[in-house]
N, C-alpha and C. Protein backbone atom coordinates (compact mmCIF):
# COMPACT_ATOMS: atom_id res chain seq x y z
N MET A 1 -2.51 8.28 -30.30
CA MET A 1 -3.60 8.41 -29.37
C MET A 1 -3.10 9.28 -28.20
N GLU A 2 -3.88 10.31 -27.86
CA GLU A 2 -3.50 11.19 -26.75
C GLU A 2 -4.13 10.68 -25.46
N ILE A 3 -3.31 10.60 -24.41
CA ILE A 3 -3.78 10.10 -23.12
C ILE A 3 -3.45 11.10 -22.02
N LEU A 4 -4.15 10.95 -20.91
CA LEU A 4 -3.88 11.73 -19.71
C LEU A 4 -3.49 10.76 -18.61
N LEU A 5 -2.26 10.90 -18.09
CA LEU A 5 -1.81 10.08 -16.97
C LEU A 5 -1.99 10.87 -15.69
N SER A 6 -2.66 10.28 -14.70
CA SER A 6 -2.76 10.86 -13.36
C SER A 6 -1.90 9.99 -12.46
N ILE A 7 -0.85 10.58 -11.92
CA ILE A 7 0.11 9.84 -11.10
C ILE A 7 0.02 10.35 -9.67
N CYS A 8 -0.45 9.48 -8.77
CA CYS A 8 -0.63 9.85 -7.36
C CYS A 8 0.49 9.21 -6.53
N SER A 9 1.22 10.05 -5.81
CA SER A 9 2.28 9.56 -4.94
C SER A 9 1.65 9.00 -3.67
N LYS A 10 2.03 7.79 -3.30
CA LYS A 10 1.50 7.17 -2.08
C LYS A 10 2.20 7.72 -0.84
N THR A 11 3.36 8.35 -1.00
CA THR A 11 4.09 8.86 0.16
C THR A 11 3.55 10.20 0.63
N ASP A 12 3.32 11.13 -0.30
CA ASP A 12 2.85 12.45 0.13
C ASP A 12 1.47 12.82 -0.40
N GLY A 13 0.85 11.94 -1.20
CA GLY A 13 -0.50 12.19 -1.68
C GLY A 13 -0.60 13.17 -2.83
N SER A 14 0.54 13.67 -3.33
CA SER A 14 0.49 14.63 -4.42
C SER A 14 0.09 13.92 -5.72
N VAL A 15 -0.58 14.67 -6.59
CA VAL A 15 -1.02 14.14 -7.87
C VAL A 15 -0.44 15.00 -8.97
N ARG A 16 0.17 14.34 -9.94
CA ARG A 16 0.63 15.09 -11.11
C ARG A 16 -0.02 14.46 -12.34
N GLU A 17 -0.36 15.31 -13.29
CA GLU A 17 -1.00 14.85 -14.50
C GLU A 17 -0.13 15.20 -15.69
N ALA A 18 -0.15 14.34 -16.69
CA ALA A 18 0.65 14.57 -17.89
C ALA A 18 -0.15 14.15 -19.11
N LYS A 19 -0.28 15.06 -20.07
CA LYS A 19 -0.89 14.74 -21.36
C LYS A 19 0.24 14.24 -22.25
N LEU A 20 0.06 13.05 -22.79
CA LEU A 20 1.11 12.45 -23.60
C LEU A 20 0.52 11.83 -24.86
N GLN A 21 1.35 11.75 -25.87
CA GLN A 21 0.97 11.05 -27.09
C GLN A 21 1.45 9.62 -26.92
N LEU A 22 0.51 8.67 -26.92
CA LEU A 22 0.86 7.26 -26.76
C LEU A 22 1.06 6.67 -28.14
N GLY A 23 2.31 6.44 -28.46
CA GLY A 23 2.64 5.83 -29.74
C GLY A 23 2.69 4.33 -29.59
N GLU A 24 3.74 3.75 -30.13
CA GLU A 24 3.91 2.30 -30.07
C GLU A 24 4.15 1.83 -28.63
N ARG A 25 4.93 2.64 -27.87
CA ARG A 25 5.31 2.21 -26.52
C ARG A 25 5.70 3.42 -25.69
N LEU A 26 5.19 3.49 -24.45
CA LEU A 26 5.55 4.55 -23.52
C LEU A 26 6.08 3.87 -22.26
N VAL A 27 7.31 4.20 -21.87
CA VAL A 27 7.97 3.57 -20.73
C VAL A 27 7.82 4.46 -19.50
N LEU A 28 7.51 3.87 -18.36
CA LEU A 28 7.48 4.56 -17.07
C LEU A 28 8.50 3.89 -16.17
N GLY A 29 9.30 4.70 -15.47
CA GLY A 29 10.28 4.12 -14.56
C GLY A 29 11.28 5.14 -14.06
N ARG A 30 12.24 4.64 -13.30
CA ARG A 30 13.24 5.48 -12.64
C ARG A 30 14.24 6.08 -13.62
N GLY A 31 14.48 5.42 -14.73
CA GLY A 31 15.45 5.94 -15.70
C GLY A 31 14.91 5.88 -17.11
N ALA A 32 13.60 6.02 -17.26
CA ALA A 32 12.97 5.88 -18.57
C ALA A 32 13.40 7.01 -19.51
N GLU A 33 14.06 6.65 -20.59
CA GLU A 33 14.42 7.64 -21.60
C GLU A 33 13.22 7.83 -22.50
N ASN A 34 12.90 9.09 -22.82
CA ASN A 34 11.75 9.42 -23.66
C ASN A 34 10.46 8.84 -23.09
N GLY A 35 10.34 8.81 -21.79
CA GLY A 35 9.14 8.29 -21.14
C GLY A 35 8.78 9.13 -19.94
N VAL A 36 8.14 8.52 -18.96
CA VAL A 36 7.72 9.21 -17.75
C VAL A 36 8.63 8.77 -16.60
N LEU A 37 9.29 9.75 -15.98
CA LEU A 37 10.20 9.45 -14.88
C LEU A 37 9.43 9.36 -13.57
N LEU A 38 9.69 8.30 -12.82
CA LEU A 38 9.13 8.11 -11.48
C LEU A 38 10.30 7.90 -10.55
N ASP A 39 10.22 8.48 -9.35
CA ASP A 39 11.32 8.40 -8.41
C ASP A 39 10.98 7.43 -7.30
N GLY A 40 11.89 6.52 -6.99
CA GLY A 40 11.68 5.59 -5.89
C GLY A 40 12.71 4.49 -5.90
N PRO A 41 13.10 4.02 -4.72
CA PRO A 41 14.14 3.00 -4.64
C PRO A 41 13.70 1.64 -5.15
N ASP A 42 12.40 1.35 -5.14
CA ASP A 42 11.91 0.04 -5.56
C ASP A 42 11.46 0.01 -7.01
N LEU A 43 11.67 1.11 -7.73
CA LEU A 43 11.28 1.18 -9.13
C LEU A 43 12.45 0.79 -10.02
N SER A 44 12.15 0.08 -11.08
CA SER A 44 13.16 -0.27 -12.07
C SER A 44 13.37 0.90 -13.01
N ARG A 45 14.49 0.87 -13.71
CA ARG A 45 14.74 1.93 -14.70
C ARG A 45 13.62 1.97 -15.73
N GLU A 46 13.25 0.82 -16.24
CA GLU A 46 12.09 0.67 -17.10
C GLU A 46 11.13 -0.25 -16.35
N HIS A 47 10.20 0.34 -15.61
CA HIS A 47 9.35 -0.44 -14.72
C HIS A 47 8.15 -1.06 -15.45
N LEU A 48 7.51 -0.26 -16.30
CA LEU A 48 6.36 -0.77 -17.05
C LEU A 48 6.24 -0.01 -18.35
N THR A 49 5.49 -0.59 -19.27
CA THR A 49 5.21 0.10 -20.53
C THR A 49 3.71 0.18 -20.74
N LEU A 50 3.30 1.26 -21.39
CA LEU A 50 1.93 1.40 -21.87
C LEU A 50 2.01 1.33 -23.39
N SER A 51 1.09 0.60 -23.98
CA SER A 51 1.06 0.49 -25.43
C SER A 51 -0.39 0.50 -25.90
N THR A 52 -0.58 0.63 -27.19
CA THR A 52 -1.94 0.67 -27.74
C THR A 52 -1.99 -0.08 -29.05
N ASP A 53 -3.19 -0.56 -29.37
CA ASP A 53 -3.44 -1.18 -30.67
C ASP A 53 -4.29 -0.25 -31.53
N GLY A 54 -4.44 1.00 -31.08
CA GLY A 54 -5.26 1.97 -31.80
C GLY A 54 -6.61 2.17 -31.16
N THR A 55 -7.09 1.18 -30.41
CA THR A 55 -8.39 1.26 -29.75
C THR A 55 -8.25 1.12 -28.24
N ASN A 56 -7.45 0.16 -27.81
CA ASN A 56 -7.29 -0.14 -26.38
C ASN A 56 -5.89 0.20 -25.92
N ILE A 57 -5.75 0.36 -24.59
CA ILE A 57 -4.45 0.61 -23.97
C ILE A 57 -4.08 -0.63 -23.17
N TYR A 58 -2.79 -0.97 -23.20
CA TYR A 58 -2.29 -2.15 -22.51
C TYR A 58 -1.12 -1.76 -21.61
N VAL A 59 -0.98 -2.47 -20.48
CA VAL A 59 0.15 -2.28 -19.57
C VAL A 59 0.94 -3.59 -19.54
N THR A 60 2.28 -3.46 -19.50
CA THR A 60 3.17 -4.61 -19.42
C THR A 60 4.20 -4.34 -18.34
N ASP A 61 4.34 -5.28 -17.39
CA ASP A 61 5.32 -5.14 -16.31
C ASP A 61 6.68 -5.59 -16.80
N LEU A 62 7.70 -4.76 -16.57
CA LEU A 62 9.08 -5.08 -16.95
C LEU A 62 9.98 -5.20 -15.72
N SER A 63 9.42 -5.09 -14.53
CA SER A 63 10.22 -4.91 -13.32
C SER A 63 10.43 -6.19 -12.53
N VAL A 64 11.26 -6.05 -11.51
CA VAL A 64 11.48 -7.13 -10.54
C VAL A 64 10.51 -6.98 -9.37
N ASN A 65 10.24 -5.74 -8.95
CA ASN A 65 9.42 -5.49 -7.77
C ASN A 65 7.93 -5.47 -8.05
N GLY A 66 7.49 -5.54 -9.28
CA GLY A 66 6.09 -5.74 -9.59
C GLY A 66 5.28 -4.52 -9.96
N THR A 67 4.21 -4.80 -10.69
CA THR A 67 3.19 -3.84 -11.09
C THR A 67 1.85 -4.51 -10.84
N TRP A 68 0.89 -3.74 -10.31
CA TRP A 68 -0.42 -4.27 -9.99
C TRP A 68 -1.49 -3.55 -10.80
N LEU A 69 -2.45 -4.30 -11.30
CA LEU A 69 -3.60 -3.74 -11.99
C LEU A 69 -4.82 -4.08 -11.16
N ASN A 70 -5.43 -3.06 -10.55
CA ASN A 70 -6.59 -3.23 -9.67
C ASN A 70 -6.31 -4.20 -8.53
N GLY A 71 -5.12 -4.13 -7.97
CA GLY A 71 -4.78 -4.95 -6.81
C GLY A 71 -4.25 -6.33 -7.15
N THR A 72 -4.21 -6.70 -8.43
CA THR A 72 -3.70 -8.01 -8.84
C THR A 72 -2.36 -7.83 -9.51
N ARG A 73 -1.37 -8.56 -9.01
CA ARG A 73 -0.02 -8.43 -9.56
C ARG A 73 0.03 -8.99 -10.98
N LEU A 74 0.65 -8.24 -11.87
CA LEU A 74 0.80 -8.67 -13.25
C LEU A 74 1.99 -9.61 -13.37
N GLY A 75 1.87 -10.57 -14.25
CA GLY A 75 3.01 -11.43 -14.55
C GLY A 75 4.02 -10.64 -15.37
N LYS A 76 5.29 -10.93 -15.17
CA LYS A 76 6.33 -10.20 -15.89
C LYS A 76 6.19 -10.43 -17.40
N SER A 77 6.23 -9.33 -18.14
CA SER A 77 6.16 -9.31 -19.60
C SER A 77 4.79 -9.76 -20.14
N ILE A 78 3.77 -9.80 -19.30
CA ILE A 78 2.42 -10.14 -19.74
C ILE A 78 1.65 -8.85 -20.01
N LYS A 79 1.06 -8.73 -21.18
CA LYS A 79 0.32 -7.53 -21.57
C LYS A 79 -1.13 -7.67 -21.12
N LYS A 80 -1.61 -6.66 -20.36
CA LYS A 80 -3.00 -6.64 -19.87
C LYS A 80 -3.69 -5.37 -20.33
N ARG A 81 -4.96 -5.48 -20.69
CA ARG A 81 -5.74 -4.33 -21.13
C ARG A 81 -6.08 -3.43 -19.95
N VAL A 82 -6.00 -2.12 -20.16
CA VAL A 82 -6.31 -1.13 -19.13
C VAL A 82 -7.58 -0.40 -19.55
N ARG A 83 -8.56 -0.37 -18.65
CA ARG A 83 -9.80 0.36 -18.88
C ARG A 83 -9.73 1.69 -18.13
N PRO A 84 -10.59 2.66 -18.47
CA PRO A 84 -10.51 3.98 -17.83
C PRO A 84 -10.66 3.95 -16.30
N GLU A 85 -11.41 2.99 -15.77
CA GLU A 85 -11.62 2.95 -14.32
C GLU A 85 -10.53 2.17 -13.58
N ASP A 86 -9.58 1.59 -14.30
CA ASP A 86 -8.54 0.76 -13.70
C ASP A 86 -7.46 1.61 -13.02
N SER A 87 -6.84 1.01 -12.00
CA SER A 87 -5.74 1.64 -11.28
C SER A 87 -4.50 0.77 -11.45
N ILE A 88 -3.44 1.38 -11.95
CA ILE A 88 -2.15 0.70 -12.08
C ILE A 88 -1.30 1.14 -10.89
N GLU A 89 -0.73 0.17 -10.18
CA GLU A 89 0.09 0.51 -9.02
C GLU A 89 1.50 -0.04 -9.18
N VAL A 90 2.45 0.79 -8.80
CA VAL A 90 3.85 0.41 -8.72
C VAL A 90 4.33 0.87 -7.34
N PRO A 91 5.47 0.40 -6.87
CA PRO A 91 5.91 0.84 -5.54
C PRO A 91 5.96 2.36 -5.42
N GLY A 92 5.09 2.91 -4.57
CA GLY A 92 5.08 4.34 -4.30
C GLY A 92 4.09 5.16 -5.10
N TYR A 93 3.44 4.57 -6.11
CA TYR A 93 2.55 5.35 -6.97
C TYR A 93 1.30 4.56 -7.37
N ALA A 94 0.20 5.31 -7.58
CA ALA A 94 -1.01 4.79 -8.21
C ALA A 94 -1.20 5.61 -9.48
N ILE A 95 -1.41 4.92 -10.59
CA ILE A 95 -1.48 5.58 -11.89
C ILE A 95 -2.81 5.25 -12.56
N ASN A 96 -3.46 6.29 -13.10
CA ASN A 96 -4.67 6.10 -13.87
C ASN A 96 -4.46 6.65 -15.27
N VAL A 97 -5.01 5.96 -16.26
CA VAL A 97 -4.86 6.34 -17.66
C VAL A 97 -6.23 6.65 -18.24
N ARG A 98 -6.33 7.76 -18.95
CA ARG A 98 -7.58 8.12 -19.61
C ARG A 98 -7.28 8.56 -21.03
N ILE A 99 -8.09 8.10 -21.97
CA ILE A 99 -7.94 8.49 -23.37
C ILE A 99 -8.58 9.86 -23.54
N LEU A 100 -7.84 10.79 -24.15
CA LEU A 100 -8.36 12.14 -24.35
C LEU A 100 -9.05 12.33 -25.69
N GLU A 101 -8.75 11.49 -26.65
CA GLU A 101 -9.41 11.59 -27.94
C GLU A 101 -10.04 10.25 -28.26
N GLU A 102 -11.16 10.28 -28.99
CA GLU A 102 -11.81 9.04 -29.37
C GLU A 102 -10.96 8.32 -30.41
N PRO A 103 -10.70 7.03 -30.22
CA PRO A 103 -9.95 6.29 -31.23
C PRO A 103 -10.73 6.24 -32.54
N GLU A 104 -10.02 6.08 -33.65
CA GLU A 104 -10.64 6.05 -34.98
C GLU A 104 -11.70 4.97 -35.07
N ALA A 105 -11.47 3.80 -34.47
CA ALA A 105 -12.43 2.70 -34.55
C ALA A 105 -13.76 3.09 -33.91
N VAL A 106 -13.72 3.82 -32.79
CA VAL A 106 -14.95 4.25 -32.13
C VAL A 106 -15.64 5.32 -32.96
N ARG A 107 -14.85 6.26 -33.49
CA ARG A 107 -15.41 7.33 -34.30
C ARG A 107 -16.08 6.78 -35.55
N ALA A 108 -15.46 5.78 -36.19
CA ALA A 108 -16.00 5.20 -37.42
C ALA A 108 -17.29 4.43 -37.16
N ALA A 109 -17.45 3.87 -35.97
CA ALA A 109 -18.64 3.08 -35.64
C ALA A 109 -19.86 3.96 -35.37
N LEU A 110 -19.65 5.24 -35.09
CA LEU A 110 -20.76 6.14 -34.81
C LEU A 110 -21.34 6.72 -36.09
N PRO A 111 -22.67 6.76 -36.21
CA PRO A 111 -23.26 7.39 -37.39
C PRO A 111 -22.95 8.89 -37.39
N ALA A 112 -22.81 9.45 -38.58
CA ALA A 112 -22.45 10.86 -38.70
C ALA A 112 -23.53 11.79 -38.19
N GLU A 113 -24.81 11.38 -38.25
CA GLU A 113 -25.89 12.28 -37.85
C GLU A 113 -26.17 12.28 -36.35
N VAL A 114 -25.47 11.48 -35.55
CA VAL A 114 -25.70 11.44 -34.11
C VAL A 114 -25.14 12.72 -33.50
N PRO A 115 -25.95 13.47 -32.76
CA PRO A 115 -25.44 14.69 -32.13
C PRO A 115 -24.37 14.38 -31.10
N LEU A 116 -23.50 15.34 -30.85
CA LEU A 116 -22.40 15.16 -29.91
C LEU A 116 -22.88 14.79 -28.52
N ALA A 117 -24.03 15.29 -28.08
CA ALA A 117 -24.52 15.01 -26.73
C ALA A 117 -24.87 13.55 -26.55
N VAL A 118 -25.14 12.82 -27.64
CA VAL A 118 -25.53 11.42 -27.54
C VAL A 118 -24.32 10.49 -27.66
N ARG A 119 -23.21 11.01 -28.15
CA ARG A 119 -22.01 10.18 -28.31
C ARG A 119 -21.52 9.66 -26.96
N PRO A 120 -20.95 8.45 -26.95
CA PRO A 120 -20.44 7.92 -25.68
C PRO A 120 -19.27 8.77 -25.18
N ARG A 121 -19.22 8.98 -23.88
CA ARG A 121 -18.15 9.77 -23.28
C ARG A 121 -17.17 8.83 -22.59
N GLU A 122 -15.96 9.31 -22.44
CA GLU A 122 -14.96 8.57 -21.67
C GLU A 122 -15.36 8.59 -20.21
N GLU A 123 -15.16 7.49 -19.53
CA GLU A 123 -15.41 7.48 -18.11
C GLU A 123 -14.27 8.18 -17.40
N VAL A 124 -14.56 8.86 -16.32
CA VAL A 124 -13.54 9.58 -15.58
C VAL A 124 -12.77 8.57 -14.74
N ALA A 125 -11.45 8.58 -14.89
CA ALA A 125 -10.60 7.69 -14.12
C ALA A 125 -10.45 8.24 -12.71
N VAL A 126 -10.64 7.40 -11.72
CA VAL A 126 -10.55 7.80 -10.34
C VAL A 126 -9.33 7.13 -9.71
N ILE A 127 -8.53 7.92 -9.05
CA ILE A 127 -7.37 7.36 -8.37
C ILE A 127 -7.89 6.64 -7.13
N ALA A 128 -7.60 5.35 -7.07
CA ALA A 128 -8.11 4.56 -5.96
C ALA A 128 -6.99 3.69 -5.42
N GLU A 129 -7.04 3.47 -4.17
CA GLU A 129 -6.08 2.56 -3.55
C GLU A 129 -6.49 1.13 -3.91
N ALA A 130 -5.56 0.21 -3.76
CA ALA A 130 -5.86 -1.19 -4.02
C ALA A 130 -6.94 -1.66 -3.06
N PRO A 131 -7.85 -2.51 -3.54
CA PRO A 131 -8.89 -2.97 -2.65
C PRO A 131 -8.30 -3.73 -1.46
N ALA A 132 -8.83 -3.46 -0.30
CA ALA A 132 -8.32 -4.10 0.91
C ALA A 132 -8.68 -5.58 0.87
N GLN A 133 -7.69 -6.40 1.14
CA GLN A 133 -7.92 -7.84 1.18
C GLN A 133 -8.05 -8.21 2.66
N THR A 134 -9.19 -8.74 3.02
CA THR A 134 -9.41 -9.07 4.42
C THR A 134 -9.11 -10.55 4.64
N ARG A 135 -7.94 -10.80 5.17
CA ARG A 135 -7.55 -12.16 5.52
C ARG A 135 -7.09 -12.17 6.97
N GLY A 136 -7.90 -11.60 7.84
CA GLY A 136 -7.54 -11.55 9.24
C GLY A 136 -6.40 -10.60 9.50
N PHE A 137 -5.57 -10.93 10.46
CA PHE A 137 -4.47 -10.05 10.83
C PHE A 137 -3.25 -10.22 9.93
N ILE A 138 -3.21 -11.22 9.07
CA ILE A 138 -2.06 -11.48 8.21
C ILE A 138 -1.95 -10.47 7.07
N ALA A 139 -3.07 -9.98 6.53
CA ALA A 139 -3.04 -9.08 5.37
C ALA A 139 -2.23 -7.82 5.63
N PRO A 140 -2.43 -7.11 6.75
CA PRO A 140 -1.60 -5.91 6.98
C PRO A 140 -0.12 -6.25 7.14
N VAL A 141 0.18 -7.38 7.76
CA VAL A 141 1.57 -7.79 7.94
C VAL A 141 2.20 -8.10 6.59
N ALA A 142 1.48 -8.82 5.74
CA ALA A 142 1.99 -9.16 4.42
C ALA A 142 2.20 -7.90 3.58
N GLN A 143 1.28 -6.97 3.68
CA GLN A 143 1.41 -5.71 2.93
C GLN A 143 2.63 -4.92 3.44
N PHE A 144 2.84 -4.93 4.76
CA PHE A 144 3.99 -4.24 5.35
C PHE A 144 5.29 -4.86 4.85
N VAL A 145 5.37 -6.18 4.83
CA VAL A 145 6.58 -6.87 4.39
C VAL A 145 6.83 -6.61 2.90
N ARG A 146 5.77 -6.59 2.08
CA ARG A 146 5.93 -6.32 0.65
C ARG A 146 6.42 -4.91 0.37
N SER A 147 6.24 -3.99 1.32
CA SER A 147 6.66 -2.61 1.11
C SER A 147 8.18 -2.44 1.18
N PHE A 148 8.90 -3.44 1.70
CA PHE A 148 10.35 -3.36 1.80
C PHE A 148 11.01 -3.76 0.50
N SER A 149 12.15 -3.16 0.21
CA SER A 149 12.93 -3.55 -0.97
C SER A 149 13.67 -4.85 -0.65
N PHE A 150 14.25 -5.44 -1.69
CA PHE A 150 15.01 -6.67 -1.51
C PHE A 150 16.18 -6.45 -0.55
N GLY A 151 16.88 -5.34 -0.70
CA GLY A 151 18.02 -5.04 0.16
C GLY A 151 17.63 -4.93 1.62
N GLU A 152 16.52 -4.26 1.88
CA GLU A 152 16.05 -4.12 3.26
C GLU A 152 15.67 -5.47 3.85
N LYS A 153 15.01 -6.32 3.07
CA LYS A 153 14.65 -7.67 3.55
C LYS A 153 15.92 -8.47 3.85
N PHE A 154 16.92 -8.36 2.98
CA PHE A 154 18.17 -9.09 3.16
C PHE A 154 18.85 -8.70 4.47
N PHE A 155 18.93 -7.39 4.73
CA PHE A 155 19.62 -6.93 5.95
C PHE A 155 18.85 -7.31 7.21
N VAL A 156 17.54 -7.33 7.17
CA VAL A 156 16.76 -7.76 8.34
C VAL A 156 17.01 -9.24 8.62
N ILE A 157 17.00 -10.06 7.57
CA ILE A 157 17.24 -11.50 7.76
C ILE A 157 18.67 -11.73 8.25
N ALA A 158 19.64 -11.02 7.67
CA ALA A 158 21.03 -11.17 8.12
C ALA A 158 21.18 -10.73 9.57
N GLY A 159 20.48 -9.67 9.96
CA GLY A 159 20.54 -9.20 11.35
C GLY A 159 19.98 -10.23 12.31
N PHE A 160 18.82 -10.83 11.96
CA PHE A 160 18.25 -11.86 12.83
C PHE A 160 19.16 -13.09 12.89
N GLY A 161 19.80 -13.41 11.77
CA GLY A 161 20.75 -14.52 11.77
C GLY A 161 21.92 -14.25 12.70
N GLY A 162 22.43 -13.02 12.66
CA GLY A 162 23.53 -12.65 13.55
C GLY A 162 23.12 -12.69 15.02
N LEU A 163 21.92 -12.19 15.33
CA LEU A 163 21.43 -12.24 16.71
C LEU A 163 21.25 -13.68 17.18
N THR A 164 20.80 -14.55 16.30
CA THR A 164 20.64 -15.96 16.66
C THR A 164 21.99 -16.58 16.98
N LEU A 165 23.00 -16.27 16.18
CA LEU A 165 24.34 -16.80 16.46
C LEU A 165 24.87 -16.28 17.80
N VAL A 166 24.67 -15.03 18.12
CA VAL A 166 25.11 -14.47 19.39
C VAL A 166 24.38 -15.17 20.55
N TYR A 167 23.07 -15.36 20.40
CA TYR A 167 22.29 -16.02 21.44
C TYR A 167 22.78 -17.45 21.67
N VAL A 168 23.01 -18.20 20.58
CA VAL A 168 23.50 -19.58 20.71
C VAL A 168 24.88 -19.60 21.35
N TYR A 169 25.74 -18.66 21.00
CA TYR A 169 27.09 -18.60 21.55
C TYR A 169 27.04 -18.31 23.04
N LEU A 170 26.18 -17.35 23.46
CA LEU A 170 26.14 -16.96 24.86
C LEU A 170 25.36 -17.94 25.74
N TYR A 171 24.24 -18.46 25.25
CA TYR A 171 23.35 -19.26 26.09
C TYR A 171 23.25 -20.71 25.66
N GLY A 172 23.88 -21.08 24.58
CA GLY A 172 23.69 -22.43 24.06
C GLY A 172 24.74 -23.34 24.41
């Protein structure tokens, strides 16, 4: 099955597209061999996979830092169906998948005498940001904290711990 990946960088807004043949499994990540390379400190070597059953496309998260489908975090190693209007997000990127050829199952279901103009068309995938979750002032703070890598979070906590010890030593 031939697909078109639209990969939008969240840092600089650039969009790159890639036509790929989706076989049994396509890996996206920082060190993906025979897959799609994505650059970023919070990306795993094999961050996610795209797979197909011949009719539908599925995404599976393989990472520690997470993959989101339409703003909902996927469970690790859980396969979820991807529709043309869906947005897959990983740290630093929004990814949309579109099928470029009709799968055999769809083609077989159509009568031969139906003109091409009447055949169902693929919906155009739109790169969209995750839907904003309005939970007062906490949502932006939570989103900001989630943007940090594990190492950055560790050093911030260690720094505050060190400052607390200095404060207790001097004033306690």
